[in-house]
PDB file of N, CA and C in Angstrom:
ATOM      1  N   MET A   1     -16.499  -2.063  -2.195  1.00  0.00           N
ATOM      2  CA  MET A   1     -15.852  -2.942  -3.290  1.00  0.00           C
ATOM      3  C   MET A   1     -14.776  -2.207  -3.820  1.00  0.00           C
ATOM      4  N   LEU A   2     -13.743  -2.981  -4.406  1.00  0.00           N
ATOM      5  CA  LEU A   2     -12.956  -2.078  -5.155  1.00  0.00           C
ATOM      6  C   LEU A   2     -13.477  -1.613  -6.590  1.00  0.00           C
ATOM      7  N   PRO A   3     -13.295  -0.343  -6.965  1.00  0.00           N
ATOM      8  CA  PRO A   3     -13.656   0.068  -8.289  1.00  0.00           C
ATOM      9  C   PRO A   3     -13.109  -0.762  -9.317  1.00  0.00           C
ATOM     10  N   GLY A   4     -13.808  -1.164 -10.438  1.00  0.00           N
ATOM     11  CA  GLY A   4     -13.173  -1.712 -11.594  1.00  0.00           C
ATOM     12  C   GLY A   4     -12.857  -3.274 -11.282  1.00  0.00           C
ATOM     13  N   ALA A   5     -13.346  -3.787 -10.194  1.00  0.00           N
ATOM     14  CA  ALA A   5     -13.346  -5.389  -9.889  1.00  0.00           C
ATOM     15  C   ALA A   5     -14.309  -6.128 -10.659  1.00  0.00           C
ATOM     16  N   GLN A   6     -14.348  -5.880 -11.830  1.00  0.00           N
ATOM     17  CA  GLN A   6     -15.211  -6.964 -12.717  1.00  0.00           C
ATOM     18  C   GLN A   6     -14.770  -8.403 -13.098  1.00  0.00           C
ATOM     19  N   ASN A   7     -13.473  -8.498 -13.086  1.00  0.00           N
ATOM     20  CA  ASN A   7     -12.883  -9.966 -13.278  1.00  0.00           C
ATOM     21  C   ASN A   7     -13.488 -10.680 -12.252  1.00  0.00           C
ATOM     22  N   LYS A   8     -13.578 -12.087 -12.541  1.00  0.00           N
ATOM     23  CA  LYS A   8     -14.103 -13.068 -11.610  1.00  0.00           C
ATOM     24  C   LYS A   8     -13.105 -13.309 -10.516  1.00  0.00           C
ATOM     25  N   ALA A   9     -12.065 -13.387 -10.879  1.00  0.00           N
ATOM     26  CA  ALA A   9     -11.006 -13.617  -9.680  1.00  0.00           C
ATOM     27  C   ALA A   9     -10.993 -12.441  -8.765  1.00  0.00           C
ATOM     28  N   PHE A  10     -11.252 -11.194  -8.803  1.00  0.00           N
ATOM     29  CA  PHE A  10     -11.371 -10.036  -8.401  1.00  0.00           C
ATOM     30  C   PHE A  10     -12.645 -10.365  -7.215  1.00  0.00           C
ATOM     31  N   LYS A  11     -13.728 -10.670  -8.058  1.00  0.00           N
ATOM     32  CA  LYS A  11     -14.987 -10.918  -7.357  1.00  0.00           C
ATOM     33  C   LYS A  11     -14.867 -11.941  -5.992  1.00  0.00           C
ATOM     34  N   SER A  12     -13.706 -12.847  -6.299  1.00  0.00           N
ATOM     35  CA  SER A  12     -13.882 -14.035  -5.305  1.00  0.00           C
ATOM     36  C   SER A  12     -12.959 -13.577  -4.016  1.00  0.00           C
ATOM     37  N   MET A  13     -12.218 -12.683  -4.273  1.00  0.00           N
ATOM     38  CA  MET A  13     -11.442 -12.179  -3.357  1.00  0.00           C
ATOM     39  C   MET A  13     -12.195 -11.448  -2.033  1.00  0.00           C
ATOM     40  N   GLN A  14     -11.678 -11.843  -0.929  1.00  0.00           N
ATOM     41  CA  GLN A  14     -12.491 -11.135   0.145  1.00  0.00           C
ATOM     42  C   GLN A  14     -11.390  -9.918   0.662  1.00  0.00           C
ATOM     43  N   VAL A  15     -12.229  -8.629   0.508  1.00  0.00           N
ATOM     44  CA  VAL A  15     -11.599  -7.372   1.053  1.00  0.00           C
ATOM     45  C   VAL A  15     -12.080  -6.942   2.275  1.00  0.00           C
ATOM     46  N   ASP A  16     -11.142  -6.558   2.854  1.00  0.00           N
ATOM     47  CA  ASP A  16     -11.704  -5.938   4.426  1.00  0.00           C
ATOM     48  C   ASP A  16     -11.456  -4.652   4.270  1.00  0.00           C
ATOM     49  N   GLU A  17     -12.657  -3.989   4.300  1.00  0.00           N
ATOM     50  CA  GLU A  17     -12.978  -2.503   4.117  1.00  0.00           C
ATOM     51  C   GLU A  17     -12.468  -1.756   4.985  1.00  0.00           C
ATOM     52  N   ARG A  18     -12.486  -2.348   6.351  1.00  0.00           N
ATOM     53  CA  ARG A  18     -11.794  -1.520   7.629  1.00  0.00           C
ATOM     54  C   ARG A  18     -10.497  -1.285   7.309  1.00  0.00           C
ATOM     55  N   ALA A  19      -9.690  -2.408   6.814  1.00  0.00           N
ATOM     56  CA  ALA A  19      -8.426  -2.298   6.549  1.00  0.00           C
ATOM     57  C   ALA A  19      -8.080  -1.186   5.466  1.00  0.00           C
ATOM     58  N   LEU A  20      -8.809  -1.327   4.549  1.00  0.00           N
ATOM     59  CA  LEU A  20      -8.685  -0.230   3.447  1.00  0.00           C
ATOM     60  C   LEU A  20      -8.861   1.298   4.056  1.00  0.00           C
ATOM     61  N   ILE A  21      -9.656   1.372   4.827  1.00  0.00           N
ATOM     62  CA  ILE A  21      -9.989   2.850   5.248  1.00  0.00           C
ATOM     63  C   ILE A  21      -8.817   3.113   6.272  1.00  0.00           C
ATOM     64  N   ARG A  22      -8.150   2.085   6.954  1.00  0.00           N
ATOM     65  CA  ARG A  22      -7.184   2.335   7.769  1.00  0.00           C
ATOM     66  C   ARG A  22      -5.909   2.954   6.932  1.00  0.00           C
ATOM     67  N   VAL A  23      -5.576   2.143   5.920  1.00  0.00           N
ATOM     68  CA  VAL A  23      -4.506   2.232   5.075  1.00  0.00           C
ATOM     69  C   VAL A  23      -5.056   3.889   4.172  1.00  0.00           C
ATOM     70  N   GLU A  24      -5.843   4.211   4.002  1.00  0.00           N
ATOM     71  CA  GLU A  24      -6.229   5.305   3.460  1.00  0.00           C
ATOM     72  C   GLU A  24      -6.043   6.565   4.530  1.00  0.00           C
ATOM     73  N   ALA A  25      -6.302   6.349   5.690  1.00  0.00           N
ATOM     74  CA  ALA A  25      -6.256   7.310   6.635  1.00  0.00           C
ATOM     75  C   ALA A  25      -4.629   7.598   7.132  1.00  0.00           C
ATOM     76  N   MET A  26      -3.760   6.408   7.080  1.00  0.00           N
ATOM     77  CA  MET A  26      -2.306   6.540   7.127  1.00  0.00           C
ATOM     78  C   MET A  26      -1.802   7.357   5.818  1.00  0.00           C
ATOM     79  N   ILE A  27      -2.174   6.983   4.522  1.00  0.00           N
ATOM     80  CA  ILE A  27      -1.657   7.742   3.658  1.00  0.00           C
ATOM     81  C   ILE A  27      -2.168   8.989   3.586  1.00  0.00           C
ATOM     82  N   HIS A  28      -3.383   9.570   4.049  1.00  0.00           N
ATOM     83  CA  HIS A  28      -3.834  10.801   3.875  1.00  0.00           C
ATOM     84  C   HIS A  28      -2.871  11.670   5.130  1.00  0.00           C
ATOM     85  N   SER A  29      -2.636  11.126   6.056  1.00  0.00           N
ATOM     86  CA  SER A  29      -1.856  11.747   7.198  1.00  0.00           C
ATOM     87  C   SER A  29      -0.265  11.804   6.981  1.00  0.00           C
ATOM     88  N   MET A  30       0.019  11.357   5.564  1.00  0.00           N
ATOM     89  CA  MET A  30       1.442  11.800   5.119  1.00  0.00           C
ATOM     90  C   MET A  30       1.434  13.087   4.275  1.00  0.00           C
ATOM     91  N   THR A  31       2.711  13.765   4.116  1.00  0.00           N
ATOM     92  CA  THR A  31       2.613  14.984   3.319  1.00  0.00           C
ATOM     93  C   THR A  31       2.699  14.409   1.861  1.00  0.00           C
ATOM     94  N   LEU A  32       2.773  15.289   0.985  1.00  0.00           N
ATOM     95  CA  LEU A  32       2.718  15.183  -0.394  1.00  0.00           C
ATOM     96  C   LEU A  32       4.271  14.604  -0.649  1.00  0.00           C
ATOM     97  N   GLY A  33       5.086  14.928   0.016  1.00  0.00           N
ATOM     98  CA  GLY A  33       6.706  14.705  -0.218  1.00  0.00           C
ATOM     99  C   GLY A  33       6.841  13.194   0.407  1.00  0.00           C
ATOM    100  N   GLU A  34       6.393  12.816   1.356  1.00  0.00           N
ATOM    101  CA  GLU A  34       6.315  11.602   2.300  1.00  0.00           C
ATOM    102  C   GLU A  34       5.608  10.556   1.077  1.00  0.00           C
ATOM    103  N   ARG A  35       4.539  10.959   0.440  1.00  0.00           N
ATOM    104  CA  ARG A  35       3.873  10.204  -0.299  1.00  0.00           C
ATOM    105  C   ARG A  35       4.626   9.969  -1.786  1.00  0.00           C
ATOM    106  N   ALA A  36       5.298  10.870  -2.204  1.00  0.00           N
ATOM    107  CA  ALA A  36       6.243  10.900  -3.394  1.00  0.00           C
ATOM    108  C   ALA A  36       7.405   9.877  -3.090  1.00  0.00           C
ATOM    109  N   ASN A  37       7.931  10.265  -1.954  1.00  0.00           N
ATOM    110  CA  ASN A  37       9.400   9.463  -1.577  1.00  0.00           C
ATOM    111  C   ASN A  37       9.137   9.102  -0.048  1.00  0.00           C
ATOM    112  N   PRO A  38       8.763   7.773   0.136  1.00  0.00           N
ATOM    113  CA  PRO A  38       8.464   7.000   1.445  1.00  0.00           C
ATOM    114  C   PRO A  38       9.891   6.762   2.020  1.00  0.00           C
ATOM    115  N   SER A  39      10.811   7.027   1.548  1.00  0.00           N
ATOM    116  CA  SER A  39      12.227   6.870   2.185  1.00  0.00           C
ATOM    117  C   SER A  39      12.549   7.835   2.981  1.00  0.00           C
ATOM    118  N   ILE A  40      12.044   9.139   2.883  1.00  0.00           N
ATOM    119  CA  ILE A  40      12.452  10.091   3.903  1.00  0.00           C
ATOM    120  C   ILE A  40      11.584  10.175   5.481  1.00  0.00           C
ATOM    121  N   ILE A  41      10.719   9.174   5.308  1.00  0.00           N
ATOM    122  CA  ILE A  41       9.873   8.798   6.786  1.00  0.00           C
ATOM    123  C   ILE A  41      10.928   8.404   7.598  1.00  0.00           C
ATOM    124  N   ASN A  42      11.167   9.082   8.672  1.00  0.00           N
ATOM    125  CA  ASN A  42      12.022   8.780   9.763  1.00  0.00           C
ATOM    126  C   ASN A  42      11.223   8.353  10.873  1.00  0.00           C
ATOM    127  N   GLY A  43      11.568   8.115  12.242  1.00  0.00           N
ATOM    128  CA  GLY A  43      10.996   7.709  13.369  1.00  0.00           C
ATOM    129  C   GLY A  43       9.793   8.892  13.661  1.00  0.00           C
ATOM    130  N   SER A  44      10.270  10.004  13.791  1.00  0.00           N
ATOM    131  CA  SER A  44       9.473  11.134  14.166  1.00  0.00           C
ATOM    132  C   SER A  44       8.277  11.177  13.283  1.00  0.00           C
ATOM    133  N   ARG A  45       8.569  11.154  12.003  1.00  0.00           N
ATOM    134  CA  ARG A  45       7.565  11.169  10.974  1.00  0.00           C
ATOM    135  C   ARG A  45       6.522  10.147  11.036  1.00  0.00           C
ATOM    136  N   ARG A  46       7.140   8.867  11.498  1.00  0.00           N
ATOM    137  CA  ARG A  46       6.155   7.516  11.402  1.00  0.00           C
ATOM    138  C   ARG A  46       5.213   7.876  12.863  1.00  0.00           C
ATOM    139  N   LYS A  47       5.758   8.565  13.970  1.00  0.00           N
ATOM    140  CA  LYS A  47       4.984   9.061  15.139  1.00  0.00           C
ATOM    141  C   LYS A  47       3.882   9.718  14.705  1.00  0.00           C
ATOM    142  N   ARG A  48       4.084  10.729  13.862  1.00  0.00           N
ATOM    143  CA  ARG A  48       3.236  11.978  13.603  1.00  0.00           C
ATOM    144  C   ARG A  48       2.025  11.376  12.433  1.00  0.00           C
ATOM    145  N   ILE A  49       2.721  10.398  11.605  1.00  0.00           N
ATOM    146  CA  ILE A  49       1.574   9.771  10.750  1.00  0.00           C
ATOM    147  C   ILE A  49       0.579   8.784  11.704  1.00  0.00           C
ATOM    148  N   ALA A  50       1.439   8.108  12.433  1.00  0.00           N
ATOM    149  CA  ALA A  50       0.301   7.054  13.364  1.00  0.00           C
ATOM    150  C   ALA A  50      -0.427   7.988  14.100  1.00  0.00           C
ATOM    151  N   ALA A  51      -0.069   9.110  14.690  1.00  0.00           N
ATOM    152  CA  ALA A  51      -0.888   9.670  15.444  1.00  0.00           C
ATOM    153  C   ALA A  51      -2.202  10.479  14.899  1.00  0.00           C
ATOM    154  N   GLY A  52      -1.656  10.829  13.688  1.00  0.00           N
ATOM    155  CA  GLY A  52      -2.592  11.514  12.557  1.00  0.00           C
ATOM    156  C   GLY A  52      -3.845  10.426  12.195  1.00  0.00           C
ATOM    157  N   SER A  53      -3.404   9.576  12.103  1.00  0.00           N
ATOM    158  CA  SER A  53      -4.251   8.508  11.336  1.00  0.00           C
ATOM    159  C   SER A  53      -5.088   7.582  12.442  1.00  0.00           C
ATOM    160  N   GLY A  54      -4.525   7.451  13.700  1.00  0.00           N
ATOM    161  CA  GLY A  54      -5.148   6.719  14.928  1.00  0.00           C
ATOM    162  C   GLY A  54      -4.820   5.261  14.570  1.00  0.00           C
ATOM    163  N   VAL A  55      -3.540   5.056  14.262  1.00  0.00           N
ATOM    164  CA  VAL A  55      -2.828   3.664  14.328  1.00  0.00           C
ATOM    165  C   VAL A  55      -1.649   3.697  15.269  1.00  0.00           C
ATOM    166  N   THR A  56      -1.107   2.514  15.247  1.00  0.00           N
ATOM    167  CA  THR A  56       0.301   2.415  15.839  1.00  0.00           C
ATOM    168  C   THR A  56       1.422   2.471  14.946  1.00  0.00           C
ATOM    169  N   VAL A  57       2.294   2.935  15.603  1.00  0.00           N
ATOM    170  CA  VAL A  57       3.632   3.068  14.390  1.00  0.00           C
ATOM    171  C   VAL A  57       4.039   1.800  13.987  1.00  0.00           C
ATOM    172  N   GLN A  58       3.640   0.594  14.513  1.00  0.00           N
ATOM    173  CA  GLN A  58       3.895  -0.652  14.023  1.00  0.00           C
ATOM    174  C   GLN A  58       3.144  -0.912  12.813  1.00  0.00           C
ATOM    175  N   GLU A  59       1.847  -0.298  12.605  1.00  0.00           N
ATOM    176  CA  GLU A  59       1.039  -0.316  11.542  1.00  0.00           C
ATOM    177  C   GLU A  59       1.507   0.282  10.232  1.00  0.00           C
ATOM    178  N   ILE A  60       2.330   1.457  10.782  1.00  0.00           N
ATOM    179  CA  ILE A  60       2.891   2.383   9.763  1.00  0.00           C
ATOM    180  C   ILE A  60       4.037   1.614   9.348  1.00  0.00           C
ATOM    181  N   ASN A  61       4.776   0.904  10.242  1.00  0.00           N
ATOM    182  CA  ASN A  61       5.830   0.144   9.443  1.00  0.00           C
ATOM    183  C   ASN A  61       5.709  -0.712   8.508  1.00  0.00           C
ATOM    184  N   ARG A  62       4.360  -1.496   9.080  1.00  0.00           N
ATOM    185  CA  ARG A  62       3.887  -2.491   8.145  1.00  0.00           C
ATOM    186  C   ARG A  62       3.688  -2.222   6.885  1.00  0.00           C
ATOM    187  N   LEU A  63       2.720  -1.127   6.731  1.00  0.00           N
ATOM    188  CA  LEU A  63       2.263  -0.387   5.372  1.00  0.00           C
ATOM    189  C   LEU A  63       3.385  -0.072   4.616  1.00  0.00           C
ATOM    190  N   LEU A  64       4.492   0.670   5.073  1.00  0.00           N
ATOM    191  CA  LEU A  64       5.662   1.070   4.372  1.00  0.00           C
ATOM    192  C   LEU A  64       6.605  -0.281   3.892  1.00  0.00           C
ATOM    193  N   ASN A  65       6.475  -1.447   4.802  1.00  0.00           N
ATOM    194  CA  ASN A  65       7.433  -2.710   4.211  1.00  0.00           C
ATOM    195  C   ASN A  65       6.325  -3.104   3.165  1.00  0.00           C
ATOM    196  N   GLN A  66       5.082  -3.298   3.301  1.00  0.00           N
ATOM    197  CA  GLN A  66       4.465  -3.810   2.187  1.00  0.00           C
ATOM    198  C   GLN A  66       4.508  -3.160   0.930  1.00  0.00           C
ATOM    199  N   PHE A  67       4.711  -1.710   0.810  1.00  0.00           N
ATOM    200  CA  PHE A  67       4.956  -0.642  -0.300  1.00  0.00           C
ATOM    201  C   PHE A  67       5.889  -1.170  -1.013  1.00  0.00           C
ATOM    202  N   GLU A  68       7.309  -1.459   0.109  1.00  0.00           N
ATOM    203  CA  GLU A  68       8.480  -1.798  -0.529  1.00  0.00           C
ATOM    204  C   GLU A  68       8.544  -3.112  -1.194  1.00  0.00           C
ATOM    205  N   MET A  69       7.830  -3.997  -0.686  1.00  0.00           N
ATOM    206  CA  MET A  69       7.771  -5.436  -1.168  1.00  0.00           C
ATOM    207  C   MET A  69       7.119  -5.379  -2.586  1.00  0.00           C
ATOM    208  N   MET A  70       6.020  -4.627  -2.623  1.00  0.00           N
ATOM    209  CA  MET A  70       5.211  -4.436  -3.941  1.00  0.00           C
ATOM    210  C   MET A  70       6.042  -3.767  -5.167  1.00  0.00           C
ATOM    211  N   LYS A  71       6.854  -2.567  -4.488  1.00  0.00           N
ATOM    212  CA  LYS A  71       7.720  -1.963  -5.478  1.00  0.00           C
ATOM    213  C   LYS A  71       8.628  -2.851  -6.177  1.00  0.00           C
ATOM    214  N   LYS A  72       9.406  -3.836  -5.240  1.00  0.00           N
ATOM    215  CA  LYS A  72      10.299  -4.661  -5.870  1.00  0.00           C
ATOM    216  C   LYS A  72       9.702  -5.941  -6.709  1.00  0.00           C
ATOM    217  N   MET A  73       8.375  -6.348  -6.216  1.00  0.00           N
ATOM    218  CA  MET A  73       7.499  -7.305  -7.057  1.00  0.00           C
ATOM    219  C   MET A  73       7.256  -6.626  -8.614  1.00  0.00           C
ATOM    220  N   MET A  74       6.973  -5.303  -8.482  1.00  0.00           N
ATOM    221  CA  MET A  74       6.532  -4.769  -9.851  1.00  0.00           C
ATOM    222  C   MET A  74       7.764  -4.763 -10.587  1.00  0.00           C
ATOM    223  N   LYS A  75       8.974  -4.117 -10.035  1.00  0.00           N
ATOM    224  CA  LYS A  75      10.149  -3.955 -10.867  1.00  0.00           C
ATOM    225  C   LYS A  75      10.685  -5.532 -11.244  1.00  0.00           C
ATOM    226  N   MET A  76      10.596  -6.562 -10.505  1.00  0.00           N
ATOM    227  CA  MET A  76      10.943  -7.603 -11.049  1.00  0.00           C
ATOM    228  C   MET A  76       9.880  -8.308 -12.318  1.00  0.00           C
ATOM    229  N   MET A  77       8.605  -7.855 -12.162  1.00  0.00           N
ATOM    230  CA  MET A  77       7.822  -8.168 -13.250  1.00  0.00           C
ATOM    231  C   MET A  77       8.190  -7.520 -14.410  1.00  0.00           C
ATOM    232  N   LYS A  78       8.635  -6.243 -14.256  1.00  0.00           N
ATOM    233  CA  LYS A  78       8.893  -5.401 -15.515  1.00  0.00           C
ATOM    234  C   LYS A  78       9.989  -5.933 -16.216  1.00  0.00           C
ATOM    235  N   HIS A  79      10.962  -6.296 -15.536  1.00  0.00           N
ATOM    236  CA  HIS A  79      12.285  -6.772 -15.884  1.00  0.00           C
ATOM    237  C   HIS A  79      12.033  -8.262 -16.640  1.00  0.00           C
ATOM    238  N   LYS A  80      11.126  -8.907 -16.257  1.00  0.00           N
ATOM    239  CA  LYS A  80      10.729 -10.460 -16.886  1.00  0.00           C
ATOM    240  C   LYS A  80      10.008 -10.121 -17.986  1.00  0.00           C
ATOM    241  N   GLY A  81       9.431  -9.086 -18.451  1.00  0.00           N
ATOM    242  CA  GLY A  81       8.503  -8.813 -19.541  1.00  0.00           C
ATOM    243  C   GLY A  81       6.908  -8.963 -19.271  1.00  0.00           C
ATOM    244  N   GLY A  82       6.791  -8.993 -17.815  1.00  0.00           N
ATOM    245  CA  GLY A  82       5.462  -9.200 -17.606  1.00  0.00           C
ATOM    246  C   GLY A  82       4.691  -8.057 -17.114  1.00  0.00           C
ATOM    247  N   GLY A  83       5.142  -6.822 -17.812  1.00  0.00           N
ATOM    248  CA  GLY A  83       4.839  -5.650 -17.227  1.00  0.00           C
ATOM    249  C   GLY A  83       3.235  -5.310 -17.411  1.00  0.00           C
ATOM    250  N   ASN A  84       2.513  -5.967 -18.361  1.00  0.00           N
ATOM    251  CA  ASN A  84       1.155  -5.837 -18.506  1.00  0.00           C
ATOM    252  C   ASN A  84       0.392  -6.724 -17.811  1.00  0.00           C
ATOM    253  N   ARG A  85       0.932  -7.951 -17.421  1.00  0.00           N
ATOM    254  CA  ARG A  85       0.325  -9.025 -16.727  1.00  0.00           C
ATOM    255  C   ARG A  85       0.013  -8.623 -15.230  1.00  0.00           C
ATOM    256  N   LEU A  86      -0.979  -9.436 -14.637  1.00  0.00           N
ATOM    257  CA  LEU A  86      -1.006  -9.268 -13.044  1.00  0.00           C
ATOM    258  C   LEU A  86      -0.341 -10.863 -12.676  1.00  0.00           C
ATOM    259  N   PRO A  87       0.261 -10.640 -11.644  1.00  0.00           N
ATOM    260  CA  PRO A  87       0.781 -11.828 -10.938  1.00  0.00           C
ATOM    261  C   PRO A  87      -0.049 -12.870 -10.556  1.00  0.00           C
ATOM    262  N   PHE A  88       0.222 -14.196 -10.588  1.00  0.00           N
ATOM    263  CA  PHE A  88      -0.452 -15.504 -10.089  1.00  0.00           C
ATOM    264  C   PHE A  88      -1.558 -15.808 -10.905  1.00  0.00           C
ATOM    265  N   GLY A  89      -1.543 -15.123 -12.329  1.00  0.00           N
ATOM    266  CA  GLY A  89      -2.615 -15.831 -13.086  1.00  0.00           C
ATOM    267  C   GLY A  89      -3.848 -15.218 -13.319  1.00  0.00           C
ATOM    268  N   PHE A  90      -4.024 -13.873 -12.865  1.00  0.00           N
ATOM    269  CA  PHE A  90      -5.148 -13.270 -12.664  1.00  0.00           C
ATOM    270  C   PHE A  90      -5.469 -12.660 -14.034  1.00  0.00           C
TER     271      PHE A  90
END
């Protein structure tokens, strides 16, 4: 389970531990520079990360797209004054 998930809303959420392990493997296959600045990840880097983590390039693309969406969402929340609140009433 996720650390710090004491909130009732978090307890009711279903977390796929295998998916978390896969994401962790993908992130660990990135260099420190790629983790700090994902925009530098080009096609050959995506192939290397996929091979190193045992997933497909499509899964690497999905992870990077999710990261970008979350980044935009956090930026929107920050600008709307909701910086300390979690989205969707949690």
